[in-house]
N, C-alpha and C. Protein backbone atom coordinates (compact mmCIF):
# COMPACT_ATOMS: atom_id res chain seq x y z
N MET A 1 16.29 -8.08 -5.92
CA MET A 1 15.33 -8.55 -4.82
C MET A 1 14.19 -7.74 -4.46
N ALA A 2 13.26 -8.05 -4.49
CA ALA A 2 12.14 -7.22 -3.92
C ALA A 2 11.86 -7.00 -2.35
N LEU A 3 11.58 -5.89 -2.01
CA LEU A 3 11.64 -5.68 -0.23
C LEU A 3 10.63 -6.80 0.14
N LEU A 4 9.22 -7.03 -0.39
CA LEU A 4 8.58 -8.46 0.24
C LEU A 4 9.44 -9.47 0.25
N GLU A 5 10.19 -9.90 -0.98
CA GLU A 5 10.83 -10.91 -0.77
C GLU A 5 11.91 -11.03 0.07
N LYS A 6 12.12 -10.28 0.56
CA LYS A 6 13.70 -10.19 1.43
C LYS A 6 12.67 -10.21 2.65
N GLU A 7 11.30 -9.76 3.07
CA GLU A 7 10.66 -9.85 4.41
C GLU A 7 10.26 -11.31 4.71
N THR A 8 10.29 -12.06 3.61
CA THR A 8 9.70 -13.66 3.82
C THR A 8 10.97 -14.41 4.32
N GLU A 9 12.28 -13.93 4.22
CA GLU A 9 13.20 -14.87 4.43
C GLU A 9 13.90 -14.68 5.86
N LYS A 10 13.58 -13.67 6.32
CA LYS A 10 13.89 -13.45 7.77
C LYS A 10 12.85 -13.91 8.85
N LEU A 11 13.43 -14.17 10.18
CA LEU A 11 12.54 -14.15 11.13
C LEU A 11 12.39 -13.16 12.04
N PHE A 12 13.59 -12.66 12.05
CA PHE A 12 13.82 -11.41 12.96
C PHE A 12 14.56 -10.12 12.24
N TYR A 13 13.84 -9.02 12.70
CA TYR A 13 14.54 -7.66 12.08
C TYR A 13 15.16 -6.77 13.17
N SER A 14 16.31 -6.24 12.42
CA SER A 14 16.76 -5.61 13.95
C SER A 14 16.27 -4.07 13.68
N ILE A 15 16.36 -3.12 14.43
CA ILE A 15 15.69 -2.06 14.93
C ILE A 15 16.35 -1.00 13.42
N GLY A 16 17.57 -1.00 12.99
CA GLY A 16 17.78 -0.51 11.65
C GLY A 16 17.29 -1.17 10.55
N GLU A 17 16.76 -1.94 10.31
CA GLU A 17 15.79 -2.80 9.00
C GLU A 17 14.43 -2.53 8.89
N VAL A 18 14.06 -2.34 10.59
CA VAL A 18 12.86 -1.86 10.39
C VAL A 18 12.73 -0.24 10.06
N ALA A 19 13.50 0.52 10.56
CA ALA A 19 13.57 2.08 10.30
C ALA A 19 13.60 2.23 9.04
N ASP A 20 14.78 1.50 8.27
CA ASP A 20 14.63 1.30 6.62
C ASP A 20 13.86 0.98 5.72
N MET A 21 12.97 0.09 6.46
CA MET A 21 11.75 -0.41 5.73
C MET A 21 10.91 0.73 5.30
N PHE A 22 10.77 1.58 6.48
CA PHE A 22 9.88 2.63 6.76
C PHE A 22 10.51 4.18 6.40
N ASP A 23 11.64 4.16 5.98
CA ASP A 23 12.46 5.42 5.68
C ASP A 23 12.24 6.11 6.81
N VAL A 24 12.27 5.81 8.09
CA VAL A 24 12.25 6.74 9.20
C VAL A 24 13.89 6.59 10.37
N ASN A 25 13.72 7.38 11.23
CA ASN A 25 14.95 7.08 12.29
C ASN A 25 14.67 6.11 12.89
N THR A 26 15.65 5.70 13.91
CA THR A 26 15.28 4.19 14.70
C THR A 26 14.89 4.94 15.88
N SER A 27 14.77 6.35 16.07
CA SER A 27 14.34 6.80 17.44
C SER A 27 12.74 6.76 17.20
N LEU A 28 12.35 6.92 16.35
CA LEU A 28 10.55 6.90 15.99
C LEU A 28 10.40 5.31 16.23
N ILE A 29 11.02 4.38 15.67
CA ILE A 29 10.51 2.88 16.01
C ILE A 29 10.90 2.79 17.18
N ARG A 30 11.83 3.12 18.41
CA ARG A 30 11.66 3.02 19.37
C ARG A 30 10.47 3.85 19.95
N PHE A 31 10.48 4.71 19.89
CA PHE A 31 9.34 5.71 20.52
C PHE A 31 7.64 4.98 19.90
N TRP A 32 7.57 4.59 18.80
CA TRP A 32 6.27 3.79 18.66
C TRP A 32 6.30 2.05 19.81
N GLU A 33 7.27 1.96 19.60
CA GLU A 33 7.18 0.70 20.48
C GLU A 33 6.76 1.19 21.85
N LYS A 34 7.09 2.38 22.45
CA LYS A 34 6.46 2.26 23.87
C LYS A 34 5.12 2.88 23.68
N GLU A 35 4.96 3.39 22.65
CA GLU A 35 3.16 4.15 22.75
C GLU A 35 2.49 3.04 22.11
N PHE A 36 2.57 2.15 21.50
CA PHE A 36 1.61 1.07 21.09
C PHE A 36 2.12 -0.41 21.44
N ASP A 37 0.96 -0.85 22.06
CA ASP A 37 1.14 -2.11 23.26
C ASP A 37 1.20 -3.31 21.93
N VAL A 38 0.89 -3.33 20.71
CA VAL A 38 0.99 -4.17 19.54
C VAL A 38 2.19 -4.69 19.33
N ILE A 39 3.18 -3.55 19.51
CA ILE A 39 4.60 -3.86 19.14
C ILE A 39 5.34 -4.21 20.23
N THR A 40 5.81 -5.50 20.17
CA THR A 40 6.49 -6.35 21.43
C THR A 40 7.66 -7.32 20.94
N PRO A 41 8.93 -6.20 20.56
CA PRO A 41 10.25 -7.01 19.79
C PRO A 41 10.49 -7.76 21.35
N SER A 42 11.45 -8.97 20.87
CA SER A 42 11.97 -9.77 21.70
C SER A 42 13.41 -9.17 22.00
N LYS A 43 14.40 -9.26 22.82
CA LYS A 43 15.75 -8.74 23.09
C LYS A 43 16.83 -9.87 22.90
N ASN A 44 18.03 -9.60 22.13
CA ASN A 44 18.64 -10.81 22.49
C ASN A 44 19.56 -10.52 23.46
N LYS A 45 20.83 -11.32 23.96
CA LYS A 45 21.25 -10.93 24.84
C LYS A 45 22.18 -9.75 25.32
N LYS A 46 22.45 -8.87 24.31
CA LYS A 46 23.01 -7.79 23.99
C LYS A 46 21.81 -6.85 24.04
N GLY A 47 21.02 -6.97 24.05
CA GLY A 47 19.70 -6.20 24.58
C GLY A 47 18.95 -5.49 23.16
N ASN A 48 19.57 -5.95 21.85
CA ASN A 48 19.15 -5.25 20.47
C ASN A 48 17.74 -5.79 20.19
N ARG A 49 16.98 -5.34 19.63
CA ARG A 49 15.54 -5.40 19.76
C ARG A 49 15.55 -6.11 18.45
N LEU A 50 14.79 -7.38 18.34
CA LEU A 50 14.48 -8.28 16.96
C LEU A 50 12.85 -8.04 17.23
N PHE A 51 12.65 -7.82 16.05
CA PHE A 51 10.94 -7.36 15.76
C PHE A 51 10.95 -8.75 14.47
N THR A 52 9.75 -9.23 14.99
CA THR A 52 8.92 -10.22 14.01
C THR A 52 8.39 -9.57 12.82
N LYS A 53 7.76 -10.86 11.78
CA LYS A 53 6.91 -10.25 11.17
C LYS A 53 5.74 -9.31 11.71
N LYS A 54 5.38 -10.14 12.38
CA LYS A 54 3.65 -9.25 13.00
C LYS A 54 4.04 -8.27 13.47
N ASP A 55 5.31 -7.88 14.05
CA ASP A 55 5.71 -6.59 14.20
C ASP A 55 5.65 -5.57 13.43
N ILE A 56 6.50 -6.14 12.06
CA ILE A 56 6.37 -5.36 10.95
C ILE A 56 4.83 -5.29 10.27
N GLU A 57 3.77 -6.10 10.38
CA GLU A 57 2.69 -6.12 9.78
C GLU A 57 2.39 -4.60 11.21
N ASN A 58 2.66 -4.80 12.00
CA ASN A 58 1.83 -3.62 13.13
C ASN A 58 2.52 -2.19 12.65
N PHE A 59 3.67 -2.28 12.44
CA PHE A 59 4.16 -0.80 11.81
C PHE A 59 3.66 -0.29 10.72
N LYS A 60 3.33 -1.36 10.10
CA LYS A 60 2.96 -0.91 8.44
C LYS A 60 1.45 -0.34 8.96
N LEU A 61 0.49 -0.81 9.71
CA LEU A 61 -0.64 -0.37 10.07
C LEU A 61 -0.40 1.07 11.03
N ILE A 62 0.34 0.84 11.71
CA ILE A 62 0.90 2.36 12.59
C ILE A 62 1.42 3.31 11.34
N PHE A 63 2.28 2.96 10.40
CA PHE A 63 2.96 4.06 9.59
C PHE A 63 1.70 4.78 8.77
N HIS A 64 0.83 3.68 8.40
CA HIS A 64 -0.33 4.16 7.54
C HIS A 64 -1.31 4.97 8.11
N PHE A 65 -1.62 4.90 9.48
CA PHE A 65 -2.44 5.46 10.35
C PHE A 65 -2.20 7.00 10.37
N VAL A 66 -0.80 6.93 10.88
CA VAL A 66 -0.18 8.17 11.54
C VAL A 66 0.42 8.85 10.34
N LYS A 67 1.23 8.47 9.53
CA LYS A 67 2.09 9.01 8.30
C LYS A 67 1.13 9.04 7.40
N GLU A 68 0.34 8.26 6.86
CA GLU A 68 -0.63 8.46 5.25
C GLU A 68 -1.63 9.04 5.47
N LYS A 69 -2.56 8.70 6.72
CA LYS A 69 -3.85 9.11 6.81
C LYS A 69 -4.04 10.06 7.90
N GLY A 70 -3.08 10.46 8.59
CA GLY A 70 -2.57 11.78 9.37
C GLY A 70 -3.52 11.76 10.67
N TYR A 71 -3.75 10.47 11.25
CA TYR A 71 -4.01 10.36 12.24
C TYR A 71 -3.02 10.86 13.35
N THR A 72 -4.03 11.38 14.67
CA THR A 72 -3.11 11.19 15.81
C THR A 72 -2.45 10.08 16.46
N LEU A 73 -1.63 10.05 17.23
CA LEU A 73 -1.11 9.06 17.82
C LEU A 73 -2.26 8.11 18.51
N GLN A 74 -2.66 9.06 19.56
CA GLN A 74 -4.11 8.50 20.06
C GLN A 74 -5.53 7.99 19.35
N GLY A 75 -5.46 8.45 18.08
CA GLY A 75 -6.27 8.39 17.07
C GLY A 75 -6.01 6.83 16.42
N ALA A 76 -4.45 6.50 16.50
CA ALA A 76 -4.06 5.43 15.81
C ALA A 76 -4.12 4.73 16.75
N LYS A 77 -4.09 4.46 18.00
CA LYS A 77 -4.05 3.54 19.03
C LYS A 77 -5.75 2.97 19.24
N ASP A 78 -6.64 3.99 19.19
CA ASP A 78 -7.89 3.64 19.27
C ASP A 78 -8.77 3.02 18.14
N LYS A 79 -7.98 3.31 16.85
CA LYS A 79 -8.42 2.54 15.59
C LYS A 79 -7.71 1.00 16.06
N LEU A 80 -6.61 1.02 16.25
CA LEU A 80 -5.84 -0.42 16.47
C LEU A 80 -6.63 -1.27 17.68
N LYS A 81 -7.28 -0.89 18.78
CA LYS A 81 -7.90 -1.35 19.75
C LYS A 81 -9.36 -1.67 19.28
N ALA A 82 -9.60 -0.65 18.49
CA ALA A 82 -11.34 -0.84 17.78
C ALA A 82 -10.98 -2.14 16.77
N GLY A 83 -9.93 -2.89 16.45
CA GLY A 83 -10.08 -3.57 15.56
C GLY A 83 -9.66 -3.08 13.87
N VAL A 84 -8.73 -3.72 13.12
CA VAL A 84 -8.44 -2.66 11.85
C VAL A 84 -9.48 -3.57 10.93
N LYS A 85 -10.22 -2.86 10.46
CA LYS A 85 -11.04 -3.35 9.14
C LYS A 85 -10.32 -3.93 8.04
N GLU A 86 -10.97 -5.04 7.45
CA GLU A 86 -10.17 -5.48 6.36
C GLU A 86 -9.82 -4.49 4.98
N SER A 87 -10.88 -3.84 4.99
CA SER A 87 -10.51 -2.77 3.95
C SER A 87 -9.18 -2.00 4.32
N ASP A 88 -8.87 -1.62 5.78
CA ASP A 88 -7.67 -1.05 5.97
C ASP A 88 -6.58 -1.55 5.77
N GLN A 89 -6.74 -2.72 5.83
CA GLN A 89 -5.40 -3.85 5.68
C GLN A 89 -5.17 -3.98 4.30
N VAL A 90 -6.28 -4.26 3.08
CA VAL A 90 -5.98 -3.91 2.05
C VAL A 90 -5.47 -2.71 1.48
N LYS A 91 -5.80 -1.92 2.18
CA LYS A 91 -5.03 -0.57 1.67
C LYS A 91 -4.02 -0.56 2.00
N VAL A 92 -3.28 -1.16 3.01
CA VAL A 92 -1.97 -1.09 3.14
C VAL A 92 -1.09 -1.98 2.62
N GLU A 93 -1.94 -3.06 2.15
CA GLU A 93 -0.91 -4.11 1.39
C GLU A 93 -1.00 -3.66 -0.05
N VAL A 94 -1.71 -2.82 -0.48
CA VAL A 94 -2.17 -2.24 -1.96
C VAL A 94 -0.95 -0.97 -1.70
N ILE A 95 -0.91 -0.40 -0.93
CA ILE A 95 0.21 0.44 -0.89
C ILE A 95 1.44 0.12 -0.99
N ASP A 96 1.71 -0.81 -0.43
CA ASP A 96 2.94 -1.97 -0.53
C ASP A 96 3.32 -2.39 -1.67
N LYS A 97 2.48 -2.82 -2.23
CA LYS A 97 2.67 -3.37 -3.52
C LYS A 97 2.79 -1.96 -4.85
N LEU A 98 2.16 -0.96 -4.67
CA LEU A 98 2.56 -0.19 -5.31
C LEU A 98 3.67 0.56 -5.11
N LYS A 99 4.47 0.75 -4.11
CA LYS A 99 5.87 1.10 -3.82
C LYS A 99 6.84 0.32 -4.31
N THR A 100 6.59 -0.94 -4.27
CA THR A 100 7.81 -1.97 -4.86
C THR A 100 7.68 -1.67 -6.39
N ILE A 101 6.50 -1.40 -6.95
CA ILE A 101 6.24 -1.38 -8.66
C ILE A 101 6.98 -0.26 -8.79
N LYS A 102 6.78 0.78 -7.81
CA LYS A 102 7.40 2.21 -7.88
C LYS A 102 9.24 2.04 -8.11
N GLU A 103 9.66 1.21 -7.21
CA GLU A 103 10.91 1.04 -6.94
C GLU A 103 11.51 0.00 -8.23
N GLN A 104 10.41 -1.04 -8.42
CA GLN A 104 11.21 -1.68 -9.74
C GLN A 104 11.19 -0.58 -11.16
N LEU A 105 10.27 -0.04 -11.25
CA LEU A 105 10.35 1.21 -12.57
C LEU A 105 11.26 1.87 -12.46
N LEU A 106 11.79 2.86 -11.34
CA LEU A 106 12.78 3.67 -11.10
C LEU A 106 13.99 2.77 -11.46
N SER A 107 14.02 1.45 -10.73
CA SER A 107 15.62 1.06 -11.43
C SER A 107 15.33 0.46 -12.57
N LEU A 108 14.46 0.18 -13.35
CA LEU A 108 14.16 0.17 -14.81
C LEU A 108 14.62 1.33 -15.60
N LYS A 109 14.09 2.60 -15.12
CA LYS A 109 14.36 3.90 -15.89
C LYS A 109 16.06 4.36 -15.52
N LYS A 110 16.51 3.80 -14.44
CA LYS A 110 18.13 4.02 -14.31
C LYS A 110 18.88 3.30 -15.16
N ALA A 111 18.31 1.96 -15.64
CA ALA A 111 19.08 1.31 -16.38
C ALA A 111 18.92 1.68 -17.81
N LEU A 112 18.18 1.98 -17.97
CA LEU A 112 18.06 2.62 -19.97
C LEU A 112 18.85 3.69 -20.01
């Protein structure tokens, strides 16, 4: 099952699941949550963070700006506040699709 298919099945994601999606530590997820106002997880009775699909989309944009484009945190904040251009959103979606294709190709290679 592809990563994108998994994402559409759930309403909420744990911090561990989000960290796995981006291949980062949970501490980075917590840090970005504090730094970026657009990340607003709800918490359950135990205090565990529950991230929505919208939070995941915002993480994708933040990850794209900070990790892939090399923006500073302030630069990424400014970019998000100014409004994300449609071209930036398309780039993030294309990168996600290419990563999914890469995973599928690697799994096919292993199967051979």
